[in-house]
Structures are given as structure tokens and as C-alpha cells.
């Protein structure tokens, strides 16, 4: 059974990221929690590889929870190709 809090968190990431991609709104720094970043890192490792800088940054941010690491991971994630971002987020929903 899926935890409703996790589902909401993942949906929040997807909605915020899609809004950013479309230029509608800015994503709040607190939108991505540590657990979601860890799951996103696993999805991105499948898509881009374990040695991709964004995958590494997301893993570091998920482990440390430091604001600096989270900002870095978020920035790198937003620099990915839109198709890679969407694929990673789709894996979280599935």
C-alpha cells in the first residue's frame, strides 16, 4: 500500500517541476524532501547512470539534508533535459 504522504510529496515534485518547465511558477526550496530526493536519485540513476553529476548530487542531498546540497541538487535537476526530468518523475509515480 502506498503511503499517502509520499504520494503527495512525489506529486508535489512533479507539479512544481512541470510548472517550472512551463515557466508558470518558481519552485519552493522545501518542495523536495529528503526521502523524495533519494527516490528521485534512484530513478535518475536508471535513466542517466550512477556517475551522472545530478544523480550524485541528489544522493548527497538526500543523505545529508544540508540546504546547500539540496539547492545544488535542485539546480542540477532543473538543468537536465526535459525528457530526462519527466522520465524520472514518471518513475516515481509508477
C-alpha atoms as a PDB file:
ATOM      1  CA  UNK A   1       0.000   0.000   0.000  1.00  0.00           C
ATOM      2  CA  UNK A   2       1.316   3.441  -0.912  1.00  0.00           C
ATOM      3  CA  UNK A   3       1.785   5.961   1.869  1.00  0.00           C
ATOM      4  CA  UNK A   4      -0.455   8.987   1.068  1.00  0.00           C
ATOM      5  CA  UNK A   5       2.178  11.407   2.374  1.00  0.00           C
ATOM      6  CA  UNK A   6       4.770  10.009  -0.025  1.00  0.00           C
ATOM      7  CA  UNK A   7       2.312  10.159  -2.911  1.00  0.00           C
ATOM      8  CA  UNK A   8       1.554  13.807  -2.162  1.00  0.00           C
ATOM      9  CA  UNK A   9       5.272  14.578  -1.920  1.00  0.00           C
ATOM     10  CA  UNK A  10       6.009  12.949  -5.274  1.00  0.00           C
ATOM     11  CA  UNK A  11       3.026  14.650  -6.873  1.00  0.00           C
ATOM     12  CA  UNK A  12       4.247  17.980  -5.481  1.00  0.00           C
ATOM     13  CA  UNK A  13       7.639  17.476  -7.084  1.00  0.00           C
ATOM     14  CA  UNK A  14       6.050  16.613 -10.416  1.00  0.00           C
ATOM     15  CA  UNK A  15       3.652  19.555 -10.353  1.00  0.00           C
ATOM     16  CA  UNK A  16       6.335  22.031  -9.281  1.00  0.00           C
ATOM     17  CA  UNK A  17       8.789  20.773 -11.874  1.00  0.00           C
ATOM     18  CA  UNK A  18       6.245  20.847 -14.683  1.00  0.00           C
ATOM     19  CA  UNK A  19       5.249  24.378 -13.707  1.00  0.00           C
ATOM     20  CA  UNK A  20       8.890  25.431 -13.811  1.00  0.00           C
ATOM     21  CA  UNK A  21       9.338  23.788 -17.198  1.00  0.00           C
ATOM     22  CA  UNK A  22       6.346  25.700 -18.482  1.00  0.00           C
ATOM     23  CA  UNK A  23       7.570  28.943 -16.879  1.00  0.00           C
ATOM     24  CA  UNK A  24       4.462  29.352 -14.717  1.00  0.00           C
ATOM     25  CA  UNK A  25       5.888  29.475 -11.196  1.00  0.00           C
ATOM     26  CA  UNK A  26       9.073  29.122  -9.189  1.00  0.00           C
ATOM     27  CA  UNK A  27       9.619  26.018  -7.111  1.00  0.00           C
ATOM     28  CA  UNK A  28       9.864  26.493  -3.367  1.00  0.00           C
ATOM     29  CA  UNK A  29      13.107  25.229  -1.813  1.00  0.00           C
ATOM     30  CA  UNK A  30      11.163  22.996   0.599  1.00  0.00           C
ATOM     31  CA  UNK A  31       9.142  21.219  -2.096  1.00  0.00           C
ATOM     32  CA  UNK A  32      11.579  18.321  -2.362  1.00  0.00           C
ATOM     33  CA  UNK A  33      12.019  16.349   0.863  1.00  0.00           C
ATOM     34  CA  UNK A  34      14.931  14.032   1.603  1.00  0.00           C
ATOM     35  CA  UNK A  35      13.008  10.806   1.002  1.00  0.00           C
ATOM     36  CA  UNK A  36      11.716  12.034  -2.341  1.00  0.00           C
ATOM     37  CA  UNK A  37      15.227  13.119  -3.358  1.00  0.00           C
ATOM     38  CA  UNK A  38      16.515   9.641  -2.581  1.00  0.00           C
ATOM     39  CA  UNK A  39      13.836   8.025  -4.732  1.00  0.00           C
ATOM     40  CA  UNK A  40      14.446  10.579  -7.468  1.00  0.00           C
ATOM     41  CA  UNK A  41      18.171   9.776  -7.353  1.00  0.00           C
ATOM     42  CA  UNK A  42      17.404   6.067  -7.862  1.00  0.00           C
ATOM     43  CA  UNK A  43      15.140   6.837 -10.825  1.00  0.00           C
ATOM     44  CA  UNK A  44      17.729   9.164 -12.330  1.00  0.00           C
ATOM     45  CA  UNK A  45      20.464   6.556 -11.841  1.00  0.00           C
ATOM     46  CA  UNK A  46      18.426   4.256 -14.081  1.00  0.00           C
ATOM     47  CA  UNK A  47      17.931   6.965 -16.710  1.00  0.00           C
ATOM     48  CA  UNK A  48      21.265   8.827 -16.690  1.00  0.00           C
ATOM     49  CA  UNK A  49      23.569   6.473 -14.795  1.00  0.00           C
ATOM     50  CA  UNK A  50      25.068   6.298 -11.314  1.00  0.00           C
ATOM     51  CA  UNK A  51      28.000   8.511 -12.264  1.00  0.00           C
ATOM     52  CA  UNK A  52      25.897  11.392 -13.643  1.00  0.00           C
ATOM     53  CA  UNK A  53      26.536  14.623 -11.651  1.00  0.00           C
ATOM     54  CA  UNK A  54      22.819  15.151 -10.979  1.00  0.00           C
ATOM     55  CA  UNK A  55      22.383  11.608  -9.678  1.00  0.00           C
ATOM     56  CA  UNK A  56      25.347  12.057  -7.360  1.00  0.00           C
ATOM     57  CA  UNK A  57      24.104  15.457  -6.166  1.00  0.00           C
ATOM     58  CA  UNK A  58      20.633  14.070  -5.403  1.00  0.00           C
ATOM     59  CA  UNK A  59      22.134  11.169  -3.431  1.00  0.00           C
ATOM     60  CA  UNK A  60      24.345  13.538  -1.438  1.00  0.00           C
ATOM     61  CA  UNK A  61      21.424  15.879  -0.722  1.00  0.00           C
ATOM     62  CA  UNK A  62      19.173  13.000   0.326  1.00  0.00           C
ATOM     63  CA  UNK A  63      21.827  11.694   2.716  1.00  0.00           C
ATOM     64  CA  UNK A  64      22.976  14.991   4.207  1.00  0.00           C
ATOM     65  CA  UNK A  65      19.818  17.105   4.126  1.00  0.00           C
ATOM     66  CA  UNK A  66      22.050  20.187   4.061  1.00  0.00           C
ATOM     67  CA  UNK A  67      20.458  23.226   2.459  1.00  0.00           C
ATOM     68  CA  UNK A  68      23.500  23.789   0.238  1.00  0.00           C
ATOM     69  CA  UNK A  69      23.365  20.214  -1.071  1.00  0.00           C
ATOM     70  CA  UNK A  70      19.616  20.447  -1.680  1.00  0.00           C
ATOM     71  CA  UNK A  71      19.986  23.693  -3.636  1.00  0.00           C
ATOM     72  CA  UNK A  72      22.781  22.189  -5.726  1.00  0.00           C
ATOM     73  CA  UNK A  73      20.780  19.033  -6.478  1.00  0.00           C
ATOM     74  CA  UNK A  74      17.702  21.065  -7.369  1.00  0.00           C
ATOM     75  CA  UNK A  75      19.693  23.313  -9.712  1.00  0.00           C
ATOM     76  CA  UNK A  76      21.300  20.349 -11.457  1.00  0.00           C
ATOM     77  CA  UNK A  77      17.958  18.560 -11.758  1.00  0.00           C
ATOM     78  CA  UNK A  78      16.397  21.599 -13.424  1.00  0.00           C
ATOM     79  CA  UNK A  79      19.304  21.731 -15.901  1.00  0.00           C
ATOM     80  CA  UNK A  80      18.555  18.205 -17.137  1.00  0.00           C
ATOM     81  CA  UNK A  81      16.821  17.712 -20.450  1.00  0.00           C
ATOM     82  CA  UNK A  82      13.083  17.974 -20.022  1.00  0.00           C
ATOM     83  CA  UNK A  83      12.632  14.396 -21.229  1.00  0.00           C
ATOM     84  CA  UNK A  84      15.011  13.090 -18.537  1.00  0.00           C
ATOM     85  CA  UNK A  85      13.218  15.088 -15.819  1.00  0.00           C
ATOM     86  CA  UNK A  86       9.829  13.825 -16.921  1.00  0.00           C
ATOM     87  CA  UNK A  87      11.036  10.226 -17.171  1.00  0.00           C
ATOM     88  CA  UNK A  88      12.486  10.350 -13.639  1.00  0.00           C
ATOM     89  CA  UNK A  89       9.315  11.858 -12.234  1.00  0.00           C
ATOM     90  CA  UNK A  90       7.161   9.349 -14.096  1.00  0.00           C
ATOM     91  CA  UNK A  91       9.151   6.524 -12.494  1.00  0.00           C
ATOM     92  CA  UNK A  92       8.283   7.946  -9.075  1.00  0.00           C
ATOM     93  CA  UNK A  93       4.570   7.836  -9.868  1.00  0.00           C
ATOM     94  CA  UNK A  94       4.717   4.244 -11.104  1.00  0.00           C
END
